[in-house]
N, C-alpha and C. Protein backbone atom coordinates (compact mmCIF):
# COMPACT_ATOMS: atom_id res chain seq x y z
N MET A 1 13.74 4.54 -64.22
CA MET A 1 13.24 5.88 -64.47
C MET A 1 11.84 5.98 -63.85
N SER A 2 11.64 7.02 -63.09
CA SER A 2 10.36 7.20 -62.41
C SER A 2 9.30 7.70 -63.39
N GLU A 3 8.07 7.60 -62.97
CA GLU A 3 6.95 8.07 -63.80
C GLU A 3 7.07 9.58 -64.08
N GLU A 4 7.49 10.31 -63.06
CA GLU A 4 7.64 11.75 -63.23
C GLU A 4 8.71 12.08 -64.26
N GLU A 5 9.82 11.35 -64.24
CA GLU A 5 10.89 11.56 -65.22
C GLU A 5 10.42 11.21 -66.62
N LYS A 6 9.63 10.15 -66.73
CA LYS A 6 9.08 9.76 -68.03
C LYS A 6 8.18 10.85 -68.59
N LYS A 7 7.35 11.41 -67.72
CA LYS A 7 6.43 12.47 -68.16
C LYS A 7 7.20 13.70 -68.62
N VAL A 8 8.25 14.05 -67.89
CA VAL A 8 9.07 15.20 -68.27
C VAL A 8 9.74 14.94 -69.61
N LEU A 9 10.28 13.75 -69.79
CA LEU A 9 10.93 13.39 -71.04
C LEU A 9 9.94 13.40 -72.20
N GLN A 10 8.75 12.86 -71.96
CA GLN A 10 7.71 12.86 -73.00
C GLN A 10 7.32 14.29 -73.38
N ALA A 11 7.18 15.14 -72.39
CA ALA A 11 6.82 16.54 -72.66
C ALA A 11 7.91 17.21 -73.48
N LYS A 12 9.16 16.93 -73.13
CA LYS A 12 10.29 17.50 -73.87
C LYS A 12 10.26 17.03 -75.32
N HIS A 13 9.99 15.76 -75.53
CA HIS A 13 9.93 15.22 -76.89
C HIS A 13 8.77 15.81 -77.68
N ARG A 14 7.64 16.02 -77.02
CA ARG A 14 6.50 16.63 -77.70
C ARG A 14 6.84 18.05 -78.17
N VAL A 15 7.56 18.79 -77.34
CA VAL A 15 7.96 20.15 -77.71
C VAL A 15 8.93 20.09 -78.89
N GLU A 16 9.90 19.18 -78.84
CA GLU A 16 10.86 19.04 -79.94
C GLU A 16 10.16 18.65 -81.24
N GLU A 17 9.20 17.74 -81.16
CA GLU A 17 8.45 17.34 -82.35
C GLU A 17 7.63 18.49 -82.90
N ALA A 18 7.04 19.28 -82.03
CA ALA A 18 6.26 20.44 -82.48
C ALA A 18 7.16 21.45 -83.18
N LYS A 19 8.35 21.67 -82.63
CA LYS A 19 9.30 22.59 -83.28
C LYS A 19 9.72 22.06 -84.64
N ALA A 20 9.95 20.75 -84.72
CA ALA A 20 10.35 20.15 -86.00
C ALA A 20 9.22 20.30 -87.03
N ARG A 21 7.98 20.09 -86.60
CA ARG A 21 6.84 20.26 -87.52
C ARG A 21 6.75 21.70 -88.00
N ASN A 22 6.99 22.64 -87.10
CA ASN A 22 6.94 24.06 -87.49
C ASN A 22 8.04 24.39 -88.49
N ARG A 23 9.24 23.83 -88.29
CA ARG A 23 10.33 24.07 -89.24
C ARG A 23 9.97 23.54 -90.62
N VAL A 24 9.40 22.34 -90.66
CA VAL A 24 9.01 21.75 -91.94
C VAL A 24 7.93 22.61 -92.60
N LYS A 25 6.97 23.05 -91.80
CA LYS A 25 5.89 23.90 -92.33
C LYS A 25 6.46 25.20 -92.90
N GLU A 26 7.39 25.82 -92.18
CA GLU A 26 8.01 27.06 -92.66
C GLU A 26 8.82 26.82 -93.93
N GLN A 27 9.54 25.70 -94.00
CA GLN A 27 10.32 25.37 -95.19
C GLN A 27 9.41 25.18 -96.40
N LYS A 28 8.30 24.48 -96.19
CA LYS A 28 7.36 24.26 -97.29
C LYS A 28 6.75 25.57 -97.76
N ALA A 29 6.42 26.45 -96.82
CA ALA A 29 5.85 27.75 -97.19
C ALA A 29 6.86 28.58 -97.97
N ARG A 30 8.13 28.54 -97.55
CA ARG A 30 9.18 29.29 -98.25
C ARG A 30 9.36 28.73 -99.66
N THR A 31 9.41 27.41 -99.78
CA THR A 31 9.57 26.78 -101.09
C THR A 31 8.41 27.16 -102.01
N HIS A 32 7.20 27.12 -101.49
CA HIS A 32 6.02 27.48 -102.27
C HIS A 32 6.11 28.93 -102.75
N ARG A 33 6.51 29.83 -101.84
CA ARG A 33 6.64 31.25 -102.19
C ARG A 33 7.71 31.45 -103.26
N LEU A 34 8.85 30.77 -103.12
CA LEU A 34 9.92 30.92 -104.11
C LEU A 34 9.49 30.41 -105.48
N ILE A 35 8.76 29.32 -105.51
CA ILE A 35 8.27 28.78 -106.78
C ILE A 35 7.29 29.77 -107.42
N GLN A 36 6.39 30.32 -106.62
CA GLN A 36 5.44 31.29 -107.15
C GLN A 36 6.15 32.53 -107.69
N GLU A 37 7.15 33.01 -106.97
CA GLU A 37 7.88 34.18 -107.43
C GLU A 37 8.63 33.89 -108.73
N GLY A 38 9.23 32.71 -108.83
CA GLY A 38 9.92 32.32 -110.06
C GLY A 38 8.96 32.21 -111.23
N ALA A 39 7.79 31.64 -110.98
CA ALA A 39 6.79 31.51 -112.04
C ALA A 39 6.30 32.89 -112.49
N LEU A 40 6.13 33.79 -111.55
CA LEU A 40 5.72 35.15 -111.89
C LEU A 40 6.78 35.83 -112.75
N LEU A 41 8.04 35.69 -112.36
CA LEU A 41 9.13 36.27 -113.13
C LEU A 41 9.15 35.70 -114.54
N GLU A 42 9.00 34.38 -114.66
CA GLU A 42 8.98 33.74 -115.98
C GLU A 42 7.81 34.21 -116.83
N SER A 43 6.65 34.44 -116.21
CA SER A 43 5.49 34.87 -116.98
C SER A 43 5.67 36.29 -117.51
N ILE A 44 6.38 37.12 -116.76
CA ILE A 44 6.61 38.50 -117.18
C ILE A 44 7.75 38.59 -118.18
N ALA A 45 8.80 37.79 -117.96
CA ALA A 45 9.99 37.83 -118.82
C ALA A 45 10.38 36.40 -119.20
N PRO A 46 9.73 35.83 -120.21
CA PRO A 46 10.00 34.44 -120.59
C PRO A 46 11.46 34.14 -120.93
N SER A 47 12.21 35.16 -121.29
CA SER A 47 13.62 34.95 -121.66
C SER A 47 14.47 34.47 -120.48
N VAL A 48 13.97 34.62 -119.26
CA VAL A 48 14.77 34.19 -118.11
C VAL A 48 14.95 32.68 -118.08
N ARG A 49 14.10 31.96 -118.76
CA ARG A 49 14.22 30.49 -118.80
C ARG A 49 15.56 30.05 -119.37
N ASP A 50 16.09 30.85 -120.30
CA ASP A 50 17.33 30.49 -120.98
C ASP A 50 18.57 31.08 -120.32
N MET A 51 18.40 31.83 -119.24
CA MET A 51 19.54 32.47 -118.58
C MET A 51 20.12 31.56 -117.50
N SER A 52 21.43 31.69 -117.31
CA SER A 52 22.05 31.03 -116.16
C SER A 52 21.66 31.81 -114.91
N MET A 53 21.85 31.22 -113.77
CA MET A 53 21.51 31.91 -112.53
C MET A 53 22.37 33.17 -112.35
N GLU A 54 23.63 33.08 -112.72
CA GLU A 54 24.52 34.24 -112.60
C GLU A 54 24.07 35.37 -113.53
N GLN A 55 23.69 35.01 -114.75
CA GLN A 55 23.21 36.02 -115.71
C GLN A 55 21.91 36.64 -115.21
N LEU A 56 21.01 35.82 -114.70
CA LEU A 56 19.75 36.33 -114.16
C LEU A 56 20.01 37.27 -112.99
N LYS A 57 20.93 36.89 -112.13
CA LYS A 57 21.27 37.74 -110.99
C LYS A 57 21.79 39.10 -111.46
N ARG A 58 22.68 39.09 -112.45
CA ARG A 58 23.21 40.36 -112.98
C ARG A 58 22.09 41.22 -113.56
N GLU A 59 21.23 40.61 -114.37
CA GLU A 59 20.14 41.36 -115.00
C GLU A 59 19.19 41.95 -113.96
N LEU A 60 18.82 41.16 -112.98
CA LEU A 60 17.92 41.66 -111.94
C LEU A 60 18.57 42.75 -111.12
N THR A 61 19.85 42.60 -110.84
CA THR A 61 20.57 43.62 -110.08
C THR A 61 20.55 44.95 -110.83
N VAL A 62 20.81 44.91 -112.12
CA VAL A 62 20.80 46.13 -112.93
C VAL A 62 19.40 46.73 -112.98
N CYS A 63 18.40 45.89 -113.21
CA CYS A 63 17.02 46.38 -113.35
C CYS A 63 16.47 46.94 -112.04
N LEU A 64 16.83 46.33 -110.93
CA LEU A 64 16.23 46.70 -109.65
C LEU A 64 17.07 47.70 -108.86
N ARG A 65 18.24 48.00 -109.32
CA ARG A 65 19.15 48.88 -108.58
C ARG A 65 18.50 50.24 -108.30
N GLY A 66 17.81 50.80 -109.25
CA GLY A 66 17.23 52.13 -109.08
C GLY A 66 15.95 52.16 -108.26
N LEU A 67 15.42 51.01 -107.88
CA LEU A 67 14.14 50.99 -107.18
C LEU A 67 14.25 51.20 -105.67
N SER A 68 15.42 50.97 -105.11
CA SER A 68 15.51 51.07 -103.65
C SER A 68 15.92 52.42 -103.15
């Protein structure tokens, strides 16, 4: 493998690594946002702690249906 080919391959790997870092960063930001939103919901309506996800989905659907 020539030096030029090595440089091209290294550049390609650097781009792939940068994209992977960005994906991880975006995933962490999404997770953080979802946790904050869940905590906010729990602080406003503590009863959601005892609901199943399906029950919570139904309740939120009913409550939010008229807002859009």
